[in-house]
Amino acid sequence: MSKGKPAPKKIVVTTTPSAVKKTAPSPRGRAATAKQELIFGRQNYILFIVGAALIAIGLLLMTGGKMPDEKTWDESIIYSFRRITLAPILIVAGLVVEIFAIFKK
């Protein structure tokens, strides 16, 4: 061996049937595998969306409260039924729906 040239690399090519695998999973097989991997079902995801919507509606109902005139204070705007009672009920209901969606089989 000379110092300037590296040794040539050997390449081995095999054509045995064990080296060539052409069996791909069928579309049904992939779909069945995907369904088995999911933790939650369709109803669970629908309940997740419903719970998130209830929470979002409750938060939207709680917003606002700007006084029409900066020099006057109107308690009926801040302490209305919508902000004090309805919005928290919707938020808690949304959280209950989310918990139910997690535990539903």
N, C-alpha and C. Protein backbone atom coordinates (compact mmCIF):
# COMPACT_ATOMS: atom_id res chain seq x y z
N MET A 1 0.83 -1.18 0.00
CA MET A 1 0.00 0.00 0.00
C MET A 1 0.87 1.24 0.00
N SER A 2 0.47 2.13 -0.81
CA SER A 2 1.21 3.38 -0.84
C SER A 2 0.56 4.37 0.09
N LYS A 3 1.29 5.34 0.51
CA LYS A 3 0.79 6.31 1.48
C LYS A 3 -0.23 7.27 0.87
N GLY A 4 -0.26 7.49 -0.39
CA GLY A 4 -1.14 8.46 -1.04
C GLY A 4 -2.53 7.94 -1.35
N LYS A 5 -2.68 6.62 -1.57
CA LYS A 5 -3.98 6.07 -1.97
C LYS A 5 -4.61 5.30 -0.82
N PRO A 6 -5.90 5.60 -0.50
CA PRO A 6 -6.58 4.79 0.52
C PRO A 6 -7.01 3.46 -0.09
N ALA A 7 -7.24 2.48 0.74
CA ALA A 7 -7.67 1.17 0.28
C ALA A 7 -9.09 1.27 -0.27
N PRO A 8 -9.41 0.61 -1.39
CA PRO A 8 -10.77 0.68 -1.94
C PRO A 8 -11.77 -0.02 -1.03
N LYS A 9 -12.98 0.56 -0.97
CA LYS A 9 -14.03 -0.01 -0.13
C LYS A 9 -14.76 -1.11 -0.90
N LYS A 10 -15.16 -2.14 -0.18
CA LYS A 10 -15.88 -3.24 -0.81
C LYS A 10 -17.38 -2.99 -0.67
N ILE A 11 -18.10 -3.19 -1.75
CA ILE A 11 -19.55 -3.05 -1.75
C ILE A 11 -20.15 -4.41 -2.03
N VAL A 12 -21.04 -4.87 -1.18
CA VAL A 12 -21.67 -6.17 -1.33
C VAL A 12 -23.14 -5.97 -1.67
N VAL A 13 -23.59 -6.57 -2.76
CA VAL A 13 -24.98 -6.48 -3.20
C VAL A 13 -25.57 -7.87 -3.13
N THR A 14 -26.71 -8.00 -2.43
CA THR A 14 -27.38 -9.29 -2.34
C THR A 14 -28.75 -9.19 -2.99
N THR A 15 -29.20 -10.28 -3.56
CA THR A 15 -30.51 -10.31 -4.22
C THR A 15 -31.36 -11.44 -3.67
N THR A 16 -31.14 -11.80 -2.43
CA THR A 16 -31.93 -12.88 -1.84
C THR A 16 -33.31 -12.36 -1.49
N PRO A 17 -34.33 -13.22 -1.50
CA PRO A 17 -35.69 -12.79 -1.19
C PRO A 17 -35.83 -12.21 0.21
N SER A 18 -35.02 -12.61 1.16
CA SER A 18 -35.14 -12.09 2.51
C SER A 18 -34.72 -10.63 2.58
N ALA A 19 -33.85 -10.20 1.68
CA ALA A 19 -33.39 -8.81 1.70
C ALA A 19 -34.42 -7.88 1.07
N VAL A 20 -35.25 -8.41 0.16
CA VAL A 20 -36.23 -7.58 -0.54
C VAL A 20 -37.61 -7.88 0.05
N LYS A 21 -38.19 -6.88 0.72
CA LYS A 21 -39.52 -7.04 1.29
C LYS A 21 -40.46 -6.07 0.59
N LYS A 22 -41.47 -6.60 -0.03
CA LYS A 22 -42.43 -5.76 -0.75
C LYS A 22 -43.80 -5.76 -0.09
N THR A 23 -43.91 -6.28 1.10
CA THR A 23 -45.20 -6.33 1.77
C THR A 23 -45.41 -5.04 2.54
N ALA A 24 -46.30 -4.21 2.07
CA ALA A 24 -46.66 -2.97 2.76
C ALA A 24 -48.01 -3.18 3.44
N PRO A 25 -48.25 -2.54 4.54
CA PRO A 25 -49.55 -2.69 5.21
C PRO A 25 -50.67 -2.14 4.33
N SER A 26 -51.77 -2.85 4.35
CA SER A 26 -52.92 -2.41 3.55
C SER A 26 -53.53 -1.16 4.17
N PRO A 27 -54.32 -0.40 3.40
CA PRO A 27 -54.96 0.78 3.98
C PRO A 27 -55.85 0.44 5.17
N ARG A 28 -56.50 -0.70 5.12
CA ARG A 28 -57.34 -1.10 6.26
C ARG A 28 -56.49 -1.37 7.49
N GLY A 29 -55.34 -1.97 7.28
CA GLY A 29 -54.45 -2.27 8.39
C GLY A 29 -53.94 -1.01 9.05
N ARG A 30 -53.61 0.01 8.25
CA ARG A 30 -53.15 1.27 8.81
C ARG A 30 -54.28 1.97 9.55
N ALA A 31 -55.50 1.93 9.02
CA ALA A 31 -56.64 2.58 9.68
C ALA A 31 -56.96 1.89 10.99
N ALA A 32 -56.89 0.57 11.00
CA ALA A 32 -57.18 -0.16 12.23
C ALA A 32 -56.12 0.14 13.29
N THR A 33 -54.88 0.26 12.86
CA THR A 33 -53.82 0.57 13.80
C THR A 33 -54.00 1.98 14.36
N ALA A 34 -54.39 2.92 13.50
CA ALA A 34 -54.59 4.30 13.96
C ALA A 34 -55.75 4.37 14.94
N LYS A 35 -56.82 3.61 14.70
CA LYS A 35 -57.96 3.64 15.62
C LYS A 35 -57.59 3.05 16.97
N GLN A 36 -56.73 2.07 16.99
CA GLN A 36 -56.34 1.47 18.25
C GLN A 36 -55.44 2.40 19.06
N GLU A 37 -54.72 3.29 18.39
CA GLU A 37 -53.80 4.17 19.09
C GLU A 37 -54.51 5.38 19.71
N LEU A 38 -55.71 5.72 19.26
CA LEU A 38 -56.41 6.88 19.80
C LEU A 38 -56.90 6.60 21.21
N ILE A 39 -56.73 7.55 22.07
CA ILE A 39 -57.17 7.39 23.45
C ILE A 39 -58.64 7.73 23.59
N PHE A 40 -59.07 8.81 22.95
CA PHE A 40 -60.44 9.27 23.06
C PHE A 40 -61.21 8.96 21.78
N GLY A 41 -62.52 8.82 21.93
CA GLY A 41 -63.37 8.57 20.79
C GLY A 41 -63.97 9.86 20.24
N ARG A 42 -64.82 9.71 19.26
CA ARG A 42 -65.45 10.86 18.61
C ARG A 42 -66.30 11.66 19.59
N GLN A 43 -67.06 10.97 20.43
CA GLN A 43 -67.91 11.67 21.40
C GLN A 43 -67.08 12.47 22.39
N ASN A 44 -65.93 11.96 22.76
CA ASN A 44 -65.06 12.68 23.69
C ASN A 44 -64.62 14.01 23.08
N TYR A 45 -64.22 13.98 21.81
CA TYR A 45 -63.76 15.20 21.16
C TYR A 45 -64.91 16.20 20.98
N ILE A 46 -66.09 15.71 20.71
CA ILE A 46 -67.26 16.60 20.62
C ILE A 46 -67.52 17.26 21.97
N LEU A 47 -67.41 16.47 23.04
CA LEU A 47 -67.60 17.03 24.38
C LEU A 47 -66.51 18.03 24.73
N PHE A 48 -65.28 17.78 24.28
CA PHE A 48 -64.19 18.75 24.50
C PHE A 48 -64.54 20.09 23.84
N ILE A 49 -65.04 20.04 22.63
CA ILE A 49 -65.39 21.27 21.91
C ILE A 49 -66.54 21.99 22.58
N VAL A 50 -67.55 21.23 23.02
CA VAL A 50 -68.70 21.84 23.71
C VAL A 50 -68.24 22.50 25.02
N GLY A 51 -67.40 21.83 25.78
CA GLY A 51 -66.90 22.39 27.03
C GLY A 51 -66.08 23.65 26.80
N ALA A 52 -65.23 23.64 25.78
CA ALA A 52 -64.42 24.82 25.46
C ALA A 52 -65.31 25.97 25.00
N ALA A 53 -66.37 25.66 24.26
CA ALA A 53 -67.30 26.71 23.81
C ALA A 53 -68.04 27.32 25.01
N LEU A 54 -68.46 26.49 25.97
CA LEU A 54 -69.13 27.02 27.16
C LEU A 54 -68.20 27.93 27.96
N ILE A 55 -66.95 27.53 28.09
CA ILE A 55 -65.99 28.37 28.81
C ILE A 55 -65.78 29.68 28.08
N ALA A 56 -65.63 29.63 26.76
CA ALA A 56 -65.41 30.85 25.98
C ALA A 56 -66.62 31.78 26.06
N ILE A 57 -67.84 31.24 25.99
CA ILE A 57 -69.04 32.07 26.09
C ILE A 57 -69.12 32.71 27.48
N GLY A 58 -68.80 31.94 28.52
CA GLY A 58 -68.80 32.49 29.87
C GLY A 58 -67.80 33.63 30.02
N LEU A 59 -66.61 33.47 29.45
CA LEU A 59 -65.62 34.54 29.53
C LEU A 59 -66.05 35.77 28.74
N LEU A 60 -66.68 35.55 27.59
CA LEU A 60 -67.17 36.69 26.80
C LEU A 60 -68.29 37.44 27.53
N LEU A 61 -69.16 36.70 28.21
CA LEU A 61 -70.23 37.35 28.96
C LEU A 61 -69.70 38.14 30.15
N MET A 62 -68.54 37.77 30.66
CA MET A 62 -67.98 38.44 31.81
C MET A 62 -67.21 39.72 31.43
N THR A 63 -66.89 39.90 30.17
CA THR A 63 -66.10 41.06 29.75
C THR A 63 -66.93 42.33 29.76
N GLY A 64 -66.24 43.43 29.59
CA GLY A 64 -66.91 44.73 29.49
C GLY A 64 -66.96 45.43 30.83
N GLY A 65 -67.90 46.34 30.98
CA GLY A 65 -68.05 47.05 32.24
C GLY A 65 -67.58 48.49 32.18
N LYS A 66 -67.37 49.01 30.98
CA LYS A 66 -66.93 50.39 30.88
C LYS A 66 -68.11 51.31 31.18
N MET A 67 -67.85 52.32 31.99
CA MET A 67 -68.89 53.28 32.35
C MET A 67 -69.12 54.26 31.19
N PRO A 68 -70.38 54.62 30.94
CA PRO A 68 -70.65 55.57 29.87
C PRO A 68 -70.05 56.95 30.15
N ASP A 69 -70.01 57.31 31.42
CA ASP A 69 -69.42 58.59 31.81
C ASP A 69 -68.35 58.29 32.87
N GLU A 70 -67.15 58.83 32.69
CA GLU A 70 -66.06 58.54 33.60
C GLU A 70 -66.28 59.11 35.00
N LYS A 71 -67.13 60.12 35.15
CA LYS A 71 -67.34 60.77 36.44
C LYS A 71 -68.44 60.12 37.27
N THR A 72 -69.20 59.20 36.68
CA THR A 72 -70.28 58.55 37.42
C THR A 72 -69.99 57.06 37.56
N TRP A 73 -70.50 56.50 38.65
CA TRP A 73 -70.34 55.09 38.94
C TRP A 73 -71.71 54.43 38.93
N ASP A 74 -71.88 53.44 38.04
CA ASP A 74 -73.15 52.74 37.93
C ASP A 74 -72.93 51.28 38.31
N GLU A 75 -73.46 50.91 39.48
CA GLU A 75 -73.26 49.53 39.95
C GLU A 75 -74.00 48.51 39.10
N SER A 76 -75.07 48.90 38.45
CA SER A 76 -75.84 47.94 37.65
C SER A 76 -75.05 47.45 36.44
N ILE A 77 -74.06 48.21 35.99
CA ILE A 77 -73.24 47.76 34.86
C ILE A 77 -72.22 46.73 35.32
N ILE A 78 -71.56 46.98 36.43
CA ILE A 78 -70.52 46.07 36.92
C ILE A 78 -71.13 44.84 37.57
N TYR A 79 -72.12 45.03 38.43
CA TYR A 79 -72.69 43.94 39.20
C TYR A 79 -74.00 43.45 38.59
N SER A 80 -74.02 43.21 37.31
CA SER A 80 -75.24 42.74 36.65
C SER A 80 -75.36 41.22 36.80
N PHE A 81 -76.55 40.70 36.56
CA PHE A 81 -76.81 39.26 36.62
C PHE A 81 -75.92 38.51 35.64
N ARG A 82 -75.69 39.11 34.49
CA ARG A 82 -74.90 38.47 33.45
C ARG A 82 -73.46 38.22 33.91
N ARG A 83 -72.86 39.21 34.56
CA ARG A 83 -71.45 39.08 34.96
C ARG A 83 -71.26 38.34 36.27
N ILE A 84 -72.17 38.49 37.19
CA ILE A 84 -71.99 37.93 38.53
C ILE A 84 -72.53 36.50 38.63
N THR A 85 -73.57 36.17 37.87
CA THR A 85 -74.20 34.86 38.03
C THR A 85 -74.09 33.99 36.78
N LEU A 86 -74.53 34.51 35.65
CA LEU A 86 -74.62 33.69 34.43
C LEU A 86 -73.24 33.26 33.91
N ALA A 87 -72.31 34.20 33.81
CA ALA A 87 -70.98 33.88 33.27
C ALA A 87 -70.24 32.84 34.12
N PRO A 88 -70.17 32.98 35.44
CA PRO A 88 -69.49 31.93 36.22
C PRO A 88 -70.18 30.57 36.14
N ILE A 89 -71.50 30.55 36.05
CA ILE A 89 -72.21 29.27 35.90
C ILE A 89 -71.81 28.59 34.60
N LEU A 90 -71.71 29.37 33.50
CA LEU A 90 -71.32 28.79 32.22
C LEU A 90 -69.87 28.29 32.25
N ILE A 91 -69.00 29.02 32.92
CA ILE A 91 -67.60 28.60 32.99
C ILE A 91 -67.46 27.30 33.80
N VAL A 92 -68.14 27.22 34.92
CA VAL A 92 -68.10 25.99 35.73
C VAL A 92 -68.74 24.83 34.97
N ALA A 93 -69.84 25.09 34.27
CA ALA A 93 -70.47 24.03 33.47
C ALA A 93 -69.52 23.54 32.38
N GLY A 94 -68.79 24.46 31.76
CA GLY A 94 -67.81 24.06 30.75
C GLY A 94 -66.70 23.21 31.33
N LEU A 95 -66.25 23.55 32.52
CA LEU A 95 -65.21 22.74 33.18
C LEU A 95 -65.74 21.35 33.54
N VAL A 96 -66.99 21.28 33.97
CA VAL A 96 -67.59 19.97 34.29
C VAL A 96 -67.70 19.12 33.03
N VAL A 97 -68.09 19.74 31.92
CA VAL A 97 -68.18 19.00 30.66
C VAL A 97 -66.80 18.52 30.23
N GLU A 98 -65.78 19.33 30.41
CA GLU A 98 -64.41 18.92 30.06
C GLU A 98 -63.97 17.73 30.91
N ILE A 99 -64.25 17.75 32.19
CA ILE A 99 -63.88 16.64 33.07
C ILE A 99 -64.65 15.39 32.68
N PHE A 100 -65.93 15.54 32.38
CA PHE A 100 -66.73 14.39 31.93
C PHE A 100 -66.18 13.82 30.62
N ALA A 101 -65.75 14.70 29.71
CA ALA A 101 -65.21 14.23 28.42
C ALA A 101 -63.92 13.44 28.62
N ILE A 102 -63.14 13.81 29.61
CA ILE A 102 -61.89 13.09 29.87
C ILE A 102 -62.17 11.71 30.43
N PHE A 103 -63.13 11.61 31.34
CA PHE A 103 -63.37 10.33 32.02
C PHE A 103 -64.35 9.42 31.30
N LYS A 104 -65.04 9.90 30.29
CA LYS A 104 -66.01 9.08 29.57
C LYS A 104 -65.28 8.00 28.76
N LYS A 105 -65.75 6.77 28.87
CA LYS A 105 -65.13 5.67 28.13
C LYS A 105 -65.64 5.61 26.73
